[in-house]
Amino acid sequence: MVSLGKNLKYSVTMPSKRALKLRCPICKKAVKNTDAEFPFCSDRCRTIDLGKWASGAYVIPSPVTDVDEQIRESTPEDSGDDS
């Protein structure tokens, strides 16, 4: 308790840490970061995820290019001939 003068007091407490709820990316079951199969809840979910990667279900997008950059790449440079 901290005193603010005449009869005014308030309690000083630290904000509690927010518990992060970790979920299996496949079935959304709660998991702990200390589990052997983390971030999955089971070997089954780990295998399903591996199958998705192997089949191409997960795709890492290519970098987005600027439209002006695409136009410059597709148009040939002037060779300096002014005919």
Protein backbone atom coordinates (compact mmCIF):
# COMPACT_ATOMS: atom_id res chain seq x y z
CA MET A 1 0.00 0.00 0.00
CA VAL A 2 1.20 3.46 -0.87
CA SER A 3 -0.01 6.51 0.99
CA LEU A 4 -0.92 9.61 -0.99
CA GLY A 5 -1.36 11.90 1.95
CA LYS A 6 -4.49 12.36 4.05
CA ASN A 7 -6.47 9.06 4.14
CA LEU A 8 -5.77 8.32 0.44
CA LYS A 9 -4.15 4.97 -0.19
CA TYR A 10 -3.89 2.68 -3.20
CA SER A 11 -2.38 -0.67 -3.89
CA VAL A 12 0.59 -1.03 -6.22
CA THR A 13 0.55 -4.30 -8.13
CA MET A 14 2.42 -5.39 -11.17
CA PRO A 15 0.28 -6.39 -14.13
CA SER A 16 -0.01 -10.14 -14.32
CA LYS A 17 1.67 -11.90 -17.21
CA ARG A 18 -0.78 -12.80 -19.91
CA ALA A 19 -0.86 -16.54 -20.40
CA LEU A 20 -0.34 -17.46 -24.03
CA LYS A 21 -2.58 -20.31 -25.08
CA LEU A 22 -0.68 -22.49 -27.51
CA ARG A 23 -2.73 -24.58 -29.93
CA CYS A 24 -1.86 -27.42 -32.28
CA PRO A 25 -1.89 -25.96 -35.82
CA ILE A 26 -3.76 -29.01 -37.16
CA CYS A 27 -6.51 -29.86 -34.65
CA LYS A 28 -6.35 -26.73 -32.42
CA LYS A 29 -6.01 -28.80 -29.22
CA ALA A 30 -4.18 -26.99 -26.38
CA VAL A 31 -0.48 -27.88 -26.12
CA LYS A 32 2.40 -26.97 -23.82
CA ASN A 33 5.75 -25.82 -25.11
CA THR A 34 7.36 -28.55 -23.00
CA ASP A 35 5.49 -31.38 -24.77
CA ALA A 36 7.64 -33.78 -26.82
CA GLU A 37 5.57 -33.21 -29.98
CA PHE A 38 5.46 -29.39 -29.68
CA PRO A 39 4.06 -27.45 -31.57
CA PHE A 40 1.79 -30.38 -32.42
CA CYS A 41 -0.33 -32.32 -29.93
CA SER A 42 0.55 -35.75 -31.31
CA ASP A 43 2.61 -37.64 -33.86
CA ARG A 44 -0.57 -37.92 -35.96
CA CYS A 45 -0.89 -34.13 -36.30
CA ARG A 46 2.86 -33.84 -37.02
CA THR A 47 2.49 -36.40 -39.85
CA ILE A 48 -0.59 -34.62 -41.29
CA ASP A 49 1.38 -31.35 -41.37
CA LEU A 50 4.34 -33.04 -43.08
CA GLY A 51 1.96 -34.47 -45.68
CA LYS A 52 0.57 -30.99 -46.38
CA TRP A 53 4.07 -29.66 -47.01
CA ALA A 54 4.97 -32.64 -49.21
CA SER A 55 1.80 -32.34 -51.32
CA GLY A 56 2.25 -28.61 -51.88
CA ALA A 57 -0.76 -27.56 -49.79
CA TYR A 58 1.45 -24.98 -48.07
CA VAL A 59 2.98 -22.41 -50.40
CA ILE A 60 5.47 -19.69 -49.61
CA PRO A 61 4.51 -16.69 -51.76
CA SER A 62 7.01 -15.09 -54.09
CA PRO A 63 7.96 -11.46 -53.49
CA VAL A 64 5.53 -8.89 -54.83
CA THR A 65 7.02 -6.84 -57.67
CA ASP A 66 6.14 -3.28 -58.49
CA VAL A 67 4.08 -2.72 -61.67
CA ASP A 68 6.52 -0.04 -62.89
CA GLU A 69 9.39 -2.48 -62.40
CA GLN A 70 7.59 -5.13 -64.47
CA ILE A 71 7.05 -2.60 -67.30
CA ARG A 72 10.73 -1.60 -67.28
CA GLU A 73 11.80 -5.25 -67.43
CA SER A 74 9.47 -6.06 -70.34
CA THR A 75 10.32 -2.99 -72.49
CA PRO A 76 13.65 -3.04 -74.33
CA GLU A 77 16.11 -0.28 -73.49
CA ASP A 78 16.69 2.46 -76.06
CA SER A 79 19.90 1.71 -77.89
CA GLY A 80 20.64 5.36 -78.51
CA ASP A 81 19.67 5.25 -82.21
CA ASP A 82 17.49 8.23 -83.06
CA SER A 83 16.38 7.35 -86.59
